[in-house]
Amino acid sequence: MITPDQVSAMIKSGLPDADVQVQDLTGGGDHYQVVVVSSQFAGRSLVQQHQLVYGAVREAMSSEAIHALALKTYTPEDWAAQSA
């Protein structure tokens, strides 16, 4: 079982400027939804943005410590527009 804080730390290790919100969808510690806001997403496609996040949690995904990860990724500008 991985905690939401551990998921956040893994993502921040790969994307140091990221603002990360983690939600445990089932309470079992292996199905998460995350919202990641990072300037590193600028100019990248949605697939490339998700690949950056998956790269940060690759080990936990490959060991099945994280079984499912739903992603929402935004640049800071897109997040500000989304939140307005």
PDB file of N, CA and C in Angstrom:
ATOM      1  N   MET A   1       0.840  -1.185   0.000  1.00  0.00           N
ATOM      2  CA  MET A   1       0.000   0.000   0.000  1.00  0.00           C
ATOM      3  C   MET A   1       0.878   1.239   0.000  1.00  0.00           C
ATOM      4  N   ILE A   2       0.525   2.158  -0.854  1.00  0.00           N
ATOM      5  CA  ILE A   2       1.242   3.420  -0.958  1.00  0.00           C
ATOM      6  C   ILE A   2       0.293   4.521  -0.499  1.00  0.00           C
ATOM      7  N   THR A   3       0.802   5.440   0.276  1.00  0.00           N
ATOM      8  CA  THR A   3      -0.040   6.533   0.778  1.00  0.00           C
ATOM      9  C   THR A   3      -0.129   7.658  -0.254  1.00  0.00           C
ATOM     10  N   PRO A   4      -1.152   8.476  -0.151  1.00  0.00           N
ATOM     11  CA  PRO A   4      -1.243   9.638  -1.047  1.00  0.00           C
ATOM     12  C   PRO A   4       0.000  10.533  -0.953  1.00  0.00           C
ATOM     13  N   ASP A   5       0.543  10.684   0.246  1.00  0.00           N
ATOM     14  CA  ASP A   5       1.759  11.496   0.391  1.00  0.00           C
ATOM     15  C   ASP A   5       2.935  10.890  -0.373  1.00  0.00           C
ATOM     16  N   GLN A   6       3.029   9.576  -0.394  1.00  0.00           N
ATOM     17  CA  GLN A   6       4.104   8.921  -1.135  1.00  0.00           C
ATOM     18  C   GLN A   6       3.918   9.107  -2.642  1.00  0.00           C
ATOM     19  N   VAL A   7       2.675   9.033  -3.104  1.00  0.00           N
ATOM     20  CA  VAL A   7       2.407   9.260  -4.523  1.00  0.00           C
ATOM     21  C   VAL A   7       2.807  10.686  -4.895  1.00  0.00           C
ATOM     22  N   SER A   8       2.425  11.637  -4.046  1.00  0.00           N
ATOM     23  CA  SER A   8       2.777  13.034  -4.292  1.00  0.00           C
ATOM     24  C   SER A   8       4.297  13.208  -4.323  1.00  0.00           C
ATOM     25  N   ALA A   9       4.996  12.583  -3.396  1.00  0.00           N
ATOM     26  CA  ALA A   9       6.456  12.713  -3.330  1.00  0.00           C
ATOM     27  C   ALA A   9       7.114  12.116  -4.571  1.00  0.00           C
ATOM     28  N   MET A  10       6.589  11.000  -5.049  1.00  0.00           N
ATOM     29  CA  MET A  10       7.157  10.387  -6.254  1.00  0.00           C
ATOM     30  C   MET A  10       7.005  11.323  -7.449  1.00  0.00           C
ATOM     31  N   ILE A  11       5.822  11.909  -7.578  1.00  0.00           N
ATOM     32  CA  ILE A  11       5.575  12.806  -8.708  1.00  0.00           C
ATOM     33  C   ILE A  11       6.458  14.046  -8.596  1.00  0.00           C
ATOM     34  N   LYS A  12       6.584  14.588  -7.383  1.00  0.00           N
ATOM     35  CA  LYS A  12       7.424  15.777  -7.191  1.00  0.00           C
ATOM     36  C   LYS A  12       8.899  15.475  -7.400  1.00  0.00           C
ATOM     37  N   SER A  13       9.302  14.224  -7.208  1.00  0.00           N
ATOM     38  CA  SER A  13      10.708  13.879  -7.474  1.00  0.00           C
ATOM     39  C   SER A  13      11.004  13.963  -8.966  1.00  0.00           C
ATOM     40  N   GLY A  14      10.003  13.668  -9.793  1.00  0.00           N
ATOM     41  CA  GLY A  14      10.193  13.758 -11.236  1.00  0.00           C
ATOM     42  C   GLY A  14       9.872  15.122 -11.805  1.00  0.00           C
ATOM     43  N   LEU A  15       8.979  15.829 -11.129  1.00  0.00           N
ATOM     44  CA  LEU A  15       8.550  17.157 -11.565  1.00  0.00           C
ATOM     45  C   LEU A  15       8.633  18.089 -10.364  1.00  0.00           C
ATOM     46  N   PRO A  16       9.843  18.569 -10.031  1.00  0.00           N
ATOM     47  CA  PRO A  16      10.057  19.308  -8.779  1.00  0.00           C
ATOM     48  C   PRO A  16       9.173  20.544  -8.595  1.00  0.00           C
ATOM     49  N   ASP A  17       8.743  21.171  -9.664  1.00  0.00           N
ATOM     50  CA  ASP A  17       7.922  22.377  -9.504  1.00  0.00           C
ATOM     51  C   ASP A  17       6.432  22.061  -9.419  1.00  0.00           C
ATOM     52  N   ALA A  18       6.087  20.791  -9.453  1.00  0.00           N
ATOM     53  CA  ALA A  18       4.681  20.408  -9.564  1.00  0.00           C
ATOM     54  C   ALA A  18       3.891  20.684  -8.295  1.00  0.00           C
ATOM     55  N   ASP A  19       2.653  21.096  -8.520  1.00  0.00           N
ATOM     56  CA  ASP A  19       1.636  21.146  -7.464  1.00  0.00           C
ATOM     57  C   ASP A  19       0.802  19.891  -7.689  1.00  0.00           C
ATOM     58  N   VAL A  20       0.739  19.029  -6.688  1.00  0.00           N
ATOM     59  CA  VAL A  20       0.126  17.713  -6.851  1.00  0.00           C
ATOM     60  C   VAL A  20      -1.005  17.540  -5.839  1.00  0.00           C
ATOM     61  N   GLN A  21      -2.159  17.123  -6.337  1.00  0.00           N
ATOM     62  CA  GLN A  21      -3.291  16.763  -5.480  1.00  0.00           C
ATOM     63  C   GLN A  21      -3.577  15.292  -5.728  1.00  0.00           C
ATOM     64  N   VAL A  22      -3.617  14.507  -4.663  1.00  0.00           N
ATOM     65  CA  VAL A  22      -3.806  13.059  -4.784  1.00  0.00           C
ATOM     66  C   VAL A  22      -5.076  12.654  -4.051  1.00  0.00           C
ATOM     67  N   GLN A  23      -5.888  11.852  -4.715  1.00  0.00           N
ATOM     68  CA  GLN A  23      -7.111  11.324  -4.107  1.00  0.00           C
ATOM     69  C   GLN A  23      -7.091   9.802  -4.224  1.00  0.00           C
ATOM     70  N   ASP A  24      -7.226   9.134  -3.089  1.00  0.00           N
ATOM     71  CA  ASP A  24      -7.321   7.669  -3.062  1.00  0.00           C
ATOM     72  C   ASP A  24      -8.766   7.309  -3.406  1.00  0.00           C
ATOM     73  N   LEU A  25      -8.996   6.724  -4.565  1.00  0.00           N
ATOM     74  CA  LEU A  25     -10.356   6.512  -5.059  1.00  0.00           C
ATOM     75  C   LEU A  25     -11.104   5.398  -4.344  1.00  0.00           C
ATOM     76  N   THR A  26     -10.389   4.429  -3.792  1.00  0.00           N
ATOM     77  CA  THR A  26     -11.069   3.281  -3.183  1.00  0.00           C
ATOM     78  C   THR A  26     -10.781   3.122  -1.700  1.00  0.00           C
ATOM     79  N   GLY A  27      -9.804   3.851  -1.187  1.00  0.00           N
ATOM     80  CA  GLY A  27      -9.395   3.700   0.203  1.00  0.00           C
ATOM     81  C   GLY A  27      -8.444   2.538   0.412  1.00  0.00           C
ATOM     82  N   GLY A  28      -8.103   1.851  -0.665  1.00  0.00           N
ATOM     83  CA  GLY A  28      -7.221   0.692  -0.571  1.00  0.00           C
ATOM     84  C   GLY A  28      -5.752   1.002  -0.804  1.00  0.00           C
ATOM     85  N   GLY A  29      -5.454   2.245  -1.182  1.00  0.00           N
ATOM     86  CA  GLY A  29      -4.062   2.628  -1.368  1.00  0.00           C
ATOM     87  C   GLY A  29      -3.442   2.145  -2.663  1.00  0.00           C
ATOM     88  N   ASP A  30      -4.275   1.813  -3.651  1.00  0.00           N
ATOM     89  CA  ASP A  30      -3.689   1.398  -4.927  1.00  0.00           C
ATOM     90  C   ASP A  30      -4.427   1.937  -6.156  1.00  0.00           C
ATOM     91  N   HIS A  31      -5.521   2.666  -5.947  1.00  0.00           N
ATOM     92  CA  HIS A  31      -6.243   3.314  -7.042  1.00  0.00           C
ATOM     93  C   HIS A  31      -6.297   4.814  -6.731  1.00  0.00           C
ATOM     94  N   TYR A  32      -5.591   5.581  -7.540  1.00  0.00           N
ATOM     95  CA  TYR A  32      -5.485   7.008  -7.257  1.00  0.00           C
ATOM     96  C   TYR A  32      -5.933   7.857  -8.430  1.00  0.00           C
ATOM     97  N   GLN A  33      -6.387   9.042  -8.096  1.00  0.00           N
ATOM     98  CA  GLN A  33      -6.588  10.097  -9.082  1.00  0.00           C
ATOM     99  C   GLN A  33      -5.695  11.243  -8.674  1.00  0.00           C
ATOM    100  N   VAL A  34      -4.937  11.779  -9.610  1.00  0.00           N
ATOM    101  CA  VAL A  34      -4.048  12.880  -9.283  1.00  0.00           C
ATOM    102  C   VAL A  34      -4.275  14.036 -10.255  1.00  0.00           C
ATOM    103  N   VAL A  35      -4.144  15.223  -9.711  1.00  0.00           N
ATOM    104  CA  VAL A  35      -4.124  16.445 -10.499  1.00  0.00           C
ATOM    105  C   VAL A  35      -2.720  17.005 -10.341  1.00  0.00           C
ATOM    106  N   VAL A  36      -2.048  17.226 -11.467  1.00  0.00           N
ATOM    107  CA  VAL A  36      -0.677  17.714 -11.438  1.00  0.00           C
ATOM    108  C   VAL A  36      -0.604  19.001 -12.248  1.00  0.00           C
ATOM    109  N   VAL A  37      -0.084  20.040 -11.624  1.00  0.00           N
ATOM    110  CA  VAL A  37       0.106  21.327 -12.288  1.00  0.00           C
ATOM    111  C   VAL A  37       1.603  21.592 -12.324  1.00  0.00           C
ATOM    112  N   SER A  38       2.140  21.752 -13.535  1.00  0.00           N
ATOM    113  CA  SER A  38       3.581  21.958 -13.665  1.00  0.00           C
ATOM    114  C   SER A  38       3.888  22.794 -14.897  1.00  0.00           C
ATOM    115  N   SER A  39       4.860  23.672 -14.755  1.00  0.00           N
ATOM    116  CA  SER A  39       5.309  24.455 -15.912  1.00  0.00           C
ATOM    117  C   SER A  39       6.028  23.569 -16.922  1.00  0.00           C
ATOM    118  N   GLN A  40       6.464  22.390 -16.497  1.00  0.00           N
ATOM    119  CA  GLN A  40       7.149  21.472 -17.418  1.00  0.00           C
ATOM    120  C   GLN A  40       6.198  20.882 -18.469  1.00  0.00           C
ATOM    121  N   PHE A  41       4.903  21.097 -18.310  1.00  0.00           N
ATOM    122  CA  PHE A  41       3.940  20.600 -19.292  1.00  0.00           C
ATOM    123  C   PHE A  41       3.778  21.558 -20.475  1.00  0.00           C
ATOM    124  N   ALA A  42       4.282  22.773 -20.322  1.00  0.00           N
ATOM    125  CA  ALA A  42       4.111  23.780 -21.378  1.00  0.00           C
ATOM    126  C   ALA A  42       4.707  23.277 -22.694  1.00  0.00           C
ATOM    127  N   GLY A  43       3.931  23.405 -23.758  1.00  0.00           N
ATOM    128  CA  GLY A  43       4.395  23.020 -25.085  1.00  0.00           C
ATOM    129  C   GLY A  43       4.373  21.527 -25.350  1.00  0.00           C
ATOM    130  N   ARG A  44       3.894  20.749 -24.406  1.00  0.00           N
ATOM    131  CA  ARG A  44       3.845  19.287 -24.578  1.00  0.00           C
ATOM    132  C   ARG A  44       2.395  18.850 -24.793  1.00  0.00           C
ATOM    133  N   SER A  45       2.250  17.775 -25.541  1.00  0.00           N
ATOM    134  CA  SER A  45       0.917  17.210 -25.748  1.00  0.00           C
ATOM    135  C   SER A  45       0.427  16.577 -24.452  1.00  0.00           C
ATOM    136  N   LEU A  46      -0.862  16.289 -24.403  1.00  0.00           N
ATOM    137  CA  LEU A  46      -1.426  15.641 -23.225  1.00  0.00           C
ATOM    138  C   LEU A  46      -0.757  14.288 -22.975  1.00  0.00           C
ATOM    139  N   VAL A  47      -0.494  13.554 -24.049  1.00  0.00           N
ATOM    140  CA  VAL A  47       0.187  12.251 -23.908  1.00  0.00           C
ATOM    141  C   VAL A  47       1.576  12.445 -23.302  1.00  0.00           C
ATOM    142  N   GLN A  48       2.306  13.431 -23.786  1.00  0.00           N
ATOM    143  CA  GLN A  48       3.645  13.692 -23.252  1.00  0.00           C
ATOM    144  C   GLN A  48       3.578  14.125 -21.790  1.00  0.00           C
ATOM    145  N   GLN A  49       2.571  14.909 -21.433  1.00  0.00           N
ATOM    146  CA  GLN A  49       2.405  15.322 -20.037  1.00  0.00           C
ATOM    147  C   GLN A  49       2.183  14.094 -19.156  1.00  0.00           C
ATOM    148  N   HIS A  50       1.318  13.210 -19.617  1.00  0.00           N
ATOM    149  CA  HIS A  50       1.022  12.008 -18.822  1.00  0.00           C
ATOM    150  C   HIS A  50       2.236  11.093 -18.748  1.00  0.00           C
ATOM    151  N   GLN A  51       3.021  11.031 -19.824  1.00  0.00           N
ATOM    152  CA  GLN A  51       4.234  10.221 -19.802  1.00  0.00           C
ATOM    153  C   GLN A  51       5.223  10.724 -18.760  1.00  0.00           C
ATOM    154  N   LEU A  52       5.301  12.041 -18.578  1.00  0.00           N
ATOM    155  CA  LEU A  52       6.185  12.598 -17.550  1.00  0.00           C
ATOM    156  C   LEU A  52       5.749  12.127 -16.163  1.00  0.00           C
ATOM    157  N   VAL A  53       4.451  12.153 -15.914  1.00  0.00           N
ATOM    158  CA  VAL A  53       3.942  11.737 -14.598  1.00  0.00           C
ATOM    159  C   VAL A  53       4.132  10.224 -14.420  1.00  0.00           C
ATOM    160  N   TYR A  54       3.773   9.462 -15.436  1.00  0.00           N
ATOM    161  CA  TYR A  54       3.945   8.010 -15.334  1.00  0.00           C
ATOM    162  C   TYR A  54       5.419   7.644 -15.126  1.00  0.00           C
ATOM    163  N   GLY A  55       6.313   8.414 -15.739  1.00  0.00           N
ATOM    164  CA  GLY A  55       7.735   8.159 -15.545  1.00  0.00           C
ATOM    165  C   GLY A  55       8.152   8.323 -14.089  1.00  0.00           C
ATOM    166  N   ALA A  56       7.521   9.267 -13.421  1.00  0.00           N
ATOM    167  CA  ALA A  56       7.862   9.527 -12.018  1.00  0.00           C
ATOM    168  C   ALA A  56       7.369   8.419 -11.087  1.00  0.00           C
ATOM    169  N   VAL A  57       6.314   7.710 -11.490  1.00  0.00           N
ATOM    170  CA  VAL A  57       5.744   6.654 -10.635  1.00  0.00           C
ATOM    171  C   VAL A  57       5.948   5.272 -11.267  1.00  0.00           C
ATOM    172  N   ARG A  58       6.829   5.188 -12.230  1.00  0.00           N
ATOM    173  CA  ARG A  58       7.025   3.956 -13.001  1.00  0.00           C
ATOM    174  C   ARG A  58       7.257   2.736 -12.106  1.00  0.00           C
ATOM    175  N   GLU A  59       8.141   2.877 -11.122  1.00  0.00           N
ATOM    176  CA  GLU A  59       8.482   1.722 -10.281  1.00  0.00           C
ATOM    177  C   GLU A  59       7.257   1.231  -9.511  1.00  0.00           C
ATOM    178  N   ALA A  60       6.481   2.151  -8.952  1.00  0.00           N
ATOM    179  CA  ALA A  60       5.285   1.757  -8.197  1.00  0.00           C
ATOM    180  C   ALA A  60       4.228   1.143  -9.108  1.00  0.00           C
ATOM    181  N   MET A  61       4.147   1.630 -10.360  1.00  0.00           N
ATOM    182  CA  MET A  61       3.187   1.065 -11.310  1.00  0.00           C
ATOM    183  C   MET A  61       3.639  -0.331 -11.753  1.00  0.00           C
ATOM    184  N   SER A  62       4.920  -0.490 -12.028  1.00  0.00           N
ATOM    185  CA  SER A  62       5.397  -1.787 -12.526  1.00  0.00           C
ATOM    186  C   SER A  62       5.353  -2.860 -11.449  1.00  0.00           C
ATOM    187  N   SER A  63       5.482  -2.467 -10.186  1.00  0.00           N
ATOM    188  CA  SER A  63       5.398  -3.440  -9.096  1.00  0.00           C
ATOM    189  C   SER A  63       3.943  -3.669  -8.672  1.00  0.00           C
ATOM    190  N   GLU A  64       3.018  -2.926  -9.289  1.00  0.00           N
ATOM    191  CA  GLU A  64       1.586  -2.974  -8.991  1.00  0.00           C
ATOM    192  C   GLU A  64       1.247  -2.468  -7.592  1.00  0.00           C
ATOM    193  N   ALA A  65       2.188  -1.738  -6.969  1.00  0.00           N
ATOM    194  CA  ALA A  65       1.863  -1.049  -5.721  1.00  0.00           C
ATOM    195  C   ALA A  65       0.769  -0.022  -6.007  1.00  0.00           C
ATOM    196  N   ILE A  66       0.852   0.601  -7.186  1.00  0.00           N
ATOM    197  CA  ILE A  66      -0.237   1.429  -7.693  1.00  0.00           C
ATOM    198  C   ILE A  66      -0.867   0.645  -8.837  1.00  0.00           C
ATOM    199  N   HIS A  67      -2.142   0.313  -8.668  1.00  0.00           N
ATOM    200  CA  HIS A  67      -2.831  -0.486  -9.674  1.00  0.00           C
ATOM    201  C   HIS A  67      -3.441   0.391 -10.761  1.00  0.00           C
ATOM    202  N   ALA A  68      -3.967   1.545 -10.360  1.00  0.00           N
ATOM    203  CA  ALA A  68      -4.606   2.439 -11.325  1.00  0.00           C
ATOM    204  C   ALA A  68      -4.298   3.879 -10.949  1.00  0.00           C
ATOM    205  N   LEU A  69      -4.047   4.685 -11.979  1.00  0.00           N
ATOM    206  CA  LEU A  69      -3.724   6.089 -11.764  1.00  0.00           C
ATOM    207  C   LEU A  69      -4.446   6.920 -12.819  1.00  0.00           C
ATOM    208  N   ALA A  70      -5.465   7.655 -12.398  1.00  0.00           N
ATOM    209  CA  ALA A  70      -6.180   8.567 -13.288  1.00  0.00           C
ATOM    210  C   ALA A  70      -5.496   9.923 -13.204  1.00  0.00           C
ATOM    211  N   LEU A  71      -5.191  10.494 -14.351  1.00  0.00           N
ATOM    212  CA  LEU A  71      -4.416  11.736 -14.387  1.00  0.00           C
ATOM    213  C   LEU A  71      -5.199  12.898 -14.969  1.00  0.00           C
ATOM    214  N   LYS A  72      -4.986  14.059 -14.373  1.00  0.00           N
ATOM    215  CA  LYS A  72      -5.377  15.331 -14.959  1.00  0.00           C
ATOM    216  C   LYS A  72      -4.138  16.209 -14.846  1.00  0.00           C
ATOM    217  N   THR A  73      -3.679  16.719 -15.972  1.00  0.00           N
ATOM    218  CA  THR A  73      -2.456  17.514 -15.978  1.00  0.00           C
ATOM    219  C   THR A  73      -2.739  18.888 -16.579  1.00  0.00           C
ATOM    220  N   TYR A  74      -2.100  19.877 -16.004  1.00  0.00           N
ATOM    221  CA  TYR A  74      -2.307  21.259 -16.427  1.00  0.00           C
ATOM    222  C   TYR A  74      -0.995  22.026 -16.325  1.00  0.00           C
ATOM    223  N   THR A  75      -0.835  22.997 -17.214  1.00  0.00           N
ATOM    224  CA  THR A  75       0.197  24.010 -17.003  1.00  0.00           C
ATOM    225  C   THR A  75      -0.371  24.981 -15.963  1.00  0.00           C
ATOM    226  N   PRO A  76       0.450  25.784 -15.321  1.00  0.00           N
ATOM    227  CA  PRO A  76      -0.086  26.764 -14.361  1.00  0.00           C
ATOM    228  C   PRO A  76      -1.111  27.700 -15.004  1.00  0.00           C
ATOM    229  N   GLU A  77      -0.888  28.073 -16.263  1.00  0.00           N
ATOM    230  CA  GLU A  77      -1.826  28.961 -16.950  1.00  0.00           C
ATOM    231  C   GLU A  77      -3.163  28.251 -17.207  1.00  0.00           C
ATOM    232  N   ASP A  78      -3.083  26.989 -17.649  1.00  0.00           N
ATOM    233  CA  ASP A  78      -4.316  26.222 -17.890  1.00  0.00           C
ATOM    234  C   ASP A  78      -5.071  25.981 -16.583  1.00  0.00           C
ATOM    235  N   TRP A  79      -4.327  25.745 -15.498  1.00  0.00           N
ATOM    236  CA  TRP A  79      -4.965  25.513 -14.203  1.00  0.00           C
ATOM    237  C   TRP A  79      -5.677  26.774 -13.721  1.00  0.00           C
ATOM    238  N   ALA A  80      -5.028  27.928 -13.911  1.00  0.00           N
ATOM    239  CA  ALA A  80      -5.656  29.182 -13.507  1.00  0.00           C
ATOM    240  C   ALA A  80      -6.940  29.418 -14.290  1.00  0.00           C
ATOM    241  N   ALA A  81      -6.911  29.127 -15.585  1.00  0.00           N
ATOM    242  CA  ALA A  81      -8.106  29.292 -16.412  1.00  0.00           C
ATOM    243  C   ALA A  81      -9.181  28.286 -15.996  1.00  0.00           C
ATOM    244  N   GLN A  82      -8.770  27.062 -15.675  1.00  0.00           N
ATOM    245  CA  GLN A  82      -9.704  26.017 -15.252  1.00  0.00           C
ATOM    246  C   GLN A  82     -10.359  26.376 -13.927  1.00  0.00           C
ATOM    247  N   SER A  83      -9.603  26.997 -13.044  1.00  0.00           N
ATOM    248  CA  SER A  83     -10.081  27.297 -11.702  1.00  0.00           C
ATOM    249  C   SER A  83     -10.871  28.594 -11.622  1.00  0.00           C
ATOM    250  N   ALA A  84     -10.809  29.402 -12.686  1.00  0.00           N
ATOM    251  CA  ALA A  84     -11.499  30.707 -12.672  1.00  0.00           C
ATOM    252  C   ALA A  84     -13.011  30.557 -12.764  1.00  0.00           C
TER     253      ALA A  84
END
